[in-house]
Structures are given as C-alpha cells and as structure tokens.
Amino acid sequence: MKVKIDPKQLTQNFPEDDYEGTVVKLFKSTSAAGNRSGGFQIRISEGDYAGRKVIGNITVTEDSLWKANQLHKAVTDEDLPEQEFETEDDFLDFLFEAVNGHSLSFRVKHRLDNQGSERMDLTYLSR
C-alpha cells in the first residue's frame, strides 16, 4: 500500500480562518470535570482543507449552554427552544438530531491554555 504524506495532515490545528463544513459524526462522553459532553466531527467542505475533519464539543452545564445554542443557531437559524430535558443525554440527543448531517459555517481561532499549550477554539457562525 502506498502512503502519501500531505503536510496539512501533520497537524491537528487548522489556520485561523472561516470554514464551511458538515456535521458527520456525533458521540457522547464525560468531561474531565465529570460533566456530560457531546463531541462531533465537522468535515470541511471547501478550500485547502476540504475533506479534513475538525472536532468540536459541547459540555452540558448551565454556564455552557450558550455554546450549544450557538451551534444550534448556526445550523437551524433558530435559538434553542425553551424546553426541559430529563437528562443531559436527552438534551444531547435533541441537539445531535438537530445538527447531524447539516452544513454550517465556523471560525477557527487559536489561544494558549493555562499550561501554555496551544488550543483551537471553534465559533459557530449564524447565517
């Protein structure tokens, strides 16, 4: 089997820019702090990084619901509805159903975390 190395495949970080993509995979997990979270892969659909995947995540806490709303609005053009969910997983199921397979625009920015490591932040852009 041939192996071709593309320098763009050697990094997890993408250049700071705006991208178009499609949500292609969803998964649930628990954060290091013990909170339920949802992760998803977005396949970039245009430009030099077309076909590459970036991973976003949403932690389900009252302080982070704004991020879930940002993702929901980027896909549906609507804020999350006023609704109560029995569990965090029920909320993630609702959110995943709304975004899975849909296209969205997002912005990549880089920052240093508390330990000085570079992190990539995603902002989901309303249309």
C-alpha atoms as a PDB file:
ATOM      1  CA  MET A   1       0.000   0.000   0.000  1.00  0.00           C
ATOM      2  CA  LYS A   2       1.287   3.445  -0.916  1.00  0.00           C
ATOM      3  CA  VAL A   3       1.450   6.139   1.740  1.00  0.00           C
ATOM      4  CA  LYS A   4       1.364   9.777   0.703  1.00  0.00           C
ATOM      5  CA  ILE A   5       2.099  12.406   3.339  1.00  0.00           C
ATOM      6  CA  ASP A   6       0.484  15.799   2.915  1.00  0.00           C
ATOM      7  CA  PRO A   7       1.968  18.441   5.287  1.00  0.00           C
ATOM      8  CA  LYS A   8      -1.597  19.607   6.088  1.00  0.00           C
ATOM      9  CA  GLN A   9      -2.257  16.176   7.625  1.00  0.00           C
ATOM     10  CA  LEU A  10       0.575  16.510  10.141  1.00  0.00           C
ATOM     11  CA  THR A  11      -1.218  18.949  12.398  1.00  0.00           C
ATOM     12  CA  GLN A  12      -4.452  18.866  14.353  1.00  0.00           C
ATOM     13  CA  ASN A  13      -4.698  22.650  14.226  1.00  0.00           C
ATOM     14  CA  PHE A  14      -6.122  24.451  11.247  1.00  0.00           C
ATOM     15  CA  PRO A  15      -5.125  28.017  10.316  1.00  0.00           C
ATOM     16  CA  GLU A  16      -7.258  30.750  11.817  1.00  0.00           C
ATOM     17  CA  ASP A  17      -9.963  31.331   9.252  1.00  0.00           C
ATOM     18  CA  ASP A  18     -13.653  30.814   8.473  1.00  0.00           C
ATOM     19  CA  TYR A  19     -14.669  27.404   7.131  1.00  0.00           C
ATOM     20  CA  GLU A  20     -17.710  25.634   5.713  1.00  0.00           C
ATOM     21  CA  GLY A  21     -18.414  22.086   6.787  1.00  0.00           C
ATOM     22  CA  THR A  22     -20.917  19.354   7.523  1.00  0.00           C
ATOM     23  CA  VAL A  23     -21.522  17.644  10.873  1.00  0.00           C
ATOM     24  CA  VAL A  24     -20.726  13.992  10.129  1.00  0.00           C
ATOM     25  CA  LYS A  25     -20.250  12.129  13.416  1.00  0.00           C
ATOM     26  CA  LEU A  26     -21.564  12.550  16.952  1.00  0.00           C
ATOM     27  CA  PHE A  27     -20.562  10.969  20.253  1.00  0.00           C
ATOM     28  CA  LYS A  28     -21.235  11.389  23.976  1.00  0.00           C
ATOM     29  CA  SER A  29     -18.624  11.428  26.702  1.00  0.00           C
ATOM     30  CA  THR A  30     -17.869  12.739  30.176  1.00  0.00           C
ATOM     31  CA  SER A  31     -15.524  15.695  30.659  1.00  0.00           C
ATOM     32  CA  ALA A  32     -12.531  15.632  32.999  1.00  0.00           C
ATOM     33  CA  ALA A  33     -14.674  17.599  35.476  1.00  0.00           C
ATOM     34  CA  GLY A  34     -17.345  14.871  35.383  1.00  0.00           C
ATOM     35  CA  ASN A  35     -19.875  16.728  33.213  1.00  0.00           C
ATOM     36  CA  ARG A  36     -21.678  15.092  30.291  1.00  0.00           C
ATOM     37  CA  SER A  37     -20.486  16.380  26.968  1.00  0.00           C
ATOM     38  CA  GLY A  38     -21.122  15.835  23.303  1.00  0.00           C
ATOM     39  CA  GLY A  39     -18.495  15.750  20.641  1.00  0.00           C
ATOM     40  CA  PHE A  40     -18.935  15.949  16.916  1.00  0.00           C
ATOM     41  CA  GLN A  41     -16.828  15.869  13.792  1.00  0.00           C
ATOM     42  CA  ILE A  42     -17.235  18.525  11.137  1.00  0.00           C
ATOM     43  CA  ARG A  43     -15.917  17.634   7.664  1.00  0.00           C
ATOM     44  CA  ILE A  44     -14.572  20.749   5.947  1.00  0.00           C
ATOM     45  CA  SER A  45     -16.199  21.093   2.543  1.00  0.00           C
ATOM     46  CA  GLU A  46     -14.196  23.826   0.800  1.00  0.00           C
ATOM     47  CA  GLY A  47     -10.689  25.171   0.316  1.00  0.00           C
ATOM     48  CA  ASP A  48      -7.251  23.723   1.031  1.00  0.00           C
ATOM     49  CA  TYR A  49      -8.551  21.652   3.965  1.00  0.00           C
ATOM     50  CA  ALA A  50     -11.602  20.155   2.202  1.00  0.00           C
ATOM     51  CA  GLY A  51     -12.210  16.612   3.425  1.00  0.00           C
ATOM     52  CA  ARG A  52     -10.327  17.106   6.693  1.00  0.00           C
ATOM     53  CA  LYS A  53     -12.287  16.804   9.935  1.00  0.00           C
ATOM     54  CA  VAL A  54     -12.258  19.058  12.957  1.00  0.00           C
ATOM     55  CA  ILE A  55     -13.713  18.067  16.320  1.00  0.00           C
ATOM     56  CA  GLY A  56     -15.972  20.328  18.348  1.00  0.00           C
ATOM     57  CA  ASN A  57     -17.564  19.692  21.704  1.00  0.00           C
ATOM     58  CA  ILE A  58     -20.350  20.924  23.938  1.00  0.00           C
ATOM     59  CA  THR A  59     -20.260  20.458  27.711  1.00  0.00           C
ATOM     60  CA  VAL A  60     -23.722  20.270  29.256  1.00  0.00           C
ATOM     61  CA  THR A  61     -23.666  22.778  32.117  1.00  0.00           C
ATOM     62  CA  GLU A  62     -25.767  25.876  32.721  1.00  0.00           C
ATOM     63  CA  ASP A  63     -22.681  28.026  32.070  1.00  0.00           C
ATOM     64  CA  SER A  64     -22.027  26.449  28.667  1.00  0.00           C
ATOM     65  CA  LEU A  65     -25.488  26.225  27.120  1.00  0.00           C
ATOM     66  CA  TRP A  66     -24.646  29.362  25.117  1.00  0.00           C
ATOM     67  CA  LYS A  67     -22.220  27.230  23.073  1.00  0.00           C
ATOM     68  CA  ALA A  68     -24.924  24.636  22.361  1.00  0.00           C
ATOM     69  CA  ASN A  69     -27.220  27.475  21.307  1.00  0.00           C
ATOM     70  CA  GLN A  70     -24.513  28.893  19.028  1.00  0.00           C
ATOM     71  CA  LEU A  71     -24.169  25.508  17.296  1.00  0.00           C
ATOM     72  CA  HIS A  72     -27.945  25.007  17.032  1.00  0.00           C
ATOM     73  CA  LYS A  73     -28.443  28.505  15.595  1.00  0.00           C
ATOM     74  CA  ALA A  74     -25.592  28.065  13.082  1.00  0.00           C
ATOM     75  CA  VAL A  75     -27.407  25.038  11.650  1.00  0.00           C
ATOM     76  CA  THR A  76     -31.106  25.852  12.096  1.00  0.00           C
ATOM     77  CA  ASP A  77     -31.095  29.693  12.144  1.00  0.00           C
ATOM     78  CA  GLU A  78     -33.075  29.439  15.408  1.00  0.00           C
ATOM     79  CA  ASP A  79     -32.218  29.647  19.101  1.00  0.00           C
ATOM     80  CA  LEU A  80     -32.700  26.524  21.183  1.00  0.00           C
ATOM     81  CA  PRO A  81     -36.386  26.239  22.114  1.00  0.00           C
ATOM     82  CA  GLU A  82     -37.485  26.788  25.698  1.00  0.00           C
ATOM     83  CA  GLN A  83     -37.742  23.198  26.810  1.00  0.00           C
ATOM     84  CA  GLU A  84     -36.834  20.977  29.759  1.00  0.00           C
ATOM     85  CA  PHE A  85     -34.972  17.687  29.355  1.00  0.00           C
ATOM     86  CA  GLU A  86     -34.966  14.849  31.895  1.00  0.00           C
ATOM     87  CA  THR A  87     -31.243  14.140  31.493  1.00  0.00           C
ATOM     88  CA  GLU A  88     -28.141  15.617  29.908  1.00  0.00           C
ATOM     89  CA  ASP A  89     -28.158  12.732  27.418  1.00  0.00           C
ATOM     90  CA  ASP A  90     -31.736  13.624  26.395  1.00  0.00           C
ATOM     91  CA  PHE A  91     -30.532  17.157  25.674  1.00  0.00           C
ATOM     92  CA  LEU A  92     -27.553  15.868  23.662  1.00  0.00           C
ATOM     93  CA  ASP A  93     -29.855  13.560  21.683  1.00  0.00           C
ATOM     94  CA  PHE A  94     -32.067  16.559  20.847  1.00  0.00           C
ATOM     95  CA  LEU A  95     -29.075  18.688  19.822  1.00  0.00           C
ATOM     96  CA  PHE A  96     -27.483  15.904  17.790  1.00  0.00           C
ATOM     97  CA  GLU A  97     -30.708  15.259  15.909  1.00  0.00           C
ATOM     98  CA  ALA A  98     -30.901  18.951  15.005  1.00  0.00           C
ATOM     99  CA  VAL A  99     -27.328  19.234  13.649  1.00  0.00           C
ATOM    100  CA  ASN A 100     -26.340  15.791  12.338  1.00  0.00           C
ATOM    101  CA  GLY A 101     -25.736  15.793   8.589  1.00  0.00           C
ATOM    102  CA  HIS A 102     -26.276  19.547   8.246  1.00  0.00           C
ATOM    103  CA  SER A 103     -23.870  22.162   6.966  1.00  0.00           C
ATOM    104  CA  LEU A 104     -22.620  25.137   8.934  1.00  0.00           C
ATOM    105  CA  SER A 105     -20.035  27.886   8.931  1.00  0.00           C
ATOM    106  CA  PHE A 106     -17.447  28.090  11.681  1.00  0.00           C
ATOM    107  CA  ARG A 107     -14.400  30.142  12.638  1.00  0.00           C
ATOM    108  CA  VAL A 108     -11.129  28.749  13.970  1.00  0.00           C
ATOM    109  CA  LYS A 109      -9.114  30.794  16.487  1.00  0.00           C
ATOM    110  CA  HIS A 110      -6.021  29.778  18.453  1.00  0.00           C
ATOM    111  CA  ARG A 111      -5.236  30.549  22.089  1.00  0.00           C
ATOM    112  CA  LEU A 112      -2.913  29.393  24.838  1.00  0.00           C
ATOM    113  CA  ASP A 113      -4.441  27.478  27.731  1.00  0.00           C
ATOM    114  CA  ASN A 114      -3.416  27.827  31.409  1.00  0.00           C
ATOM    115  CA  GLN A 115      -0.464  25.465  30.868  1.00  0.00           C
ATOM    116  CA  GLY A 116       0.782  27.405  27.822  1.00  0.00           C
ATOM    117  CA  SER A 117      -0.354  24.812  25.272  1.00  0.00           C
ATOM    118  CA  GLU A 118      -1.967  25.973  22.063  1.00  0.00           C
ATOM    119  CA  ARG A 119      -5.687  25.239  21.785  1.00  0.00           C
ATOM    120  CA  MET A 120      -8.027  25.613  18.852  1.00  0.00           C
ATOM    121  CA  ASP A 121     -11.422  27.210  19.535  1.00  0.00           C
ATOM    122  CA  LEU A 122     -14.397  26.944  17.210  1.00  0.00           C
ATOM    123  CA  THR A 123     -17.083  29.602  16.897  1.00  0.00           C
ATOM    124  CA  TYR A 124     -20.221  28.536  15.052  1.00  0.00           C
ATOM    125  CA  LEU A 125     -21.435  31.297  12.766  1.00  0.00           C
ATOM    126  CA  SER A 126     -25.072  32.159  12.149  1.00  0.00           C
ATOM    127  CA  ARG A 127     -26.001  32.511   8.511  1.00  0.00           C
END
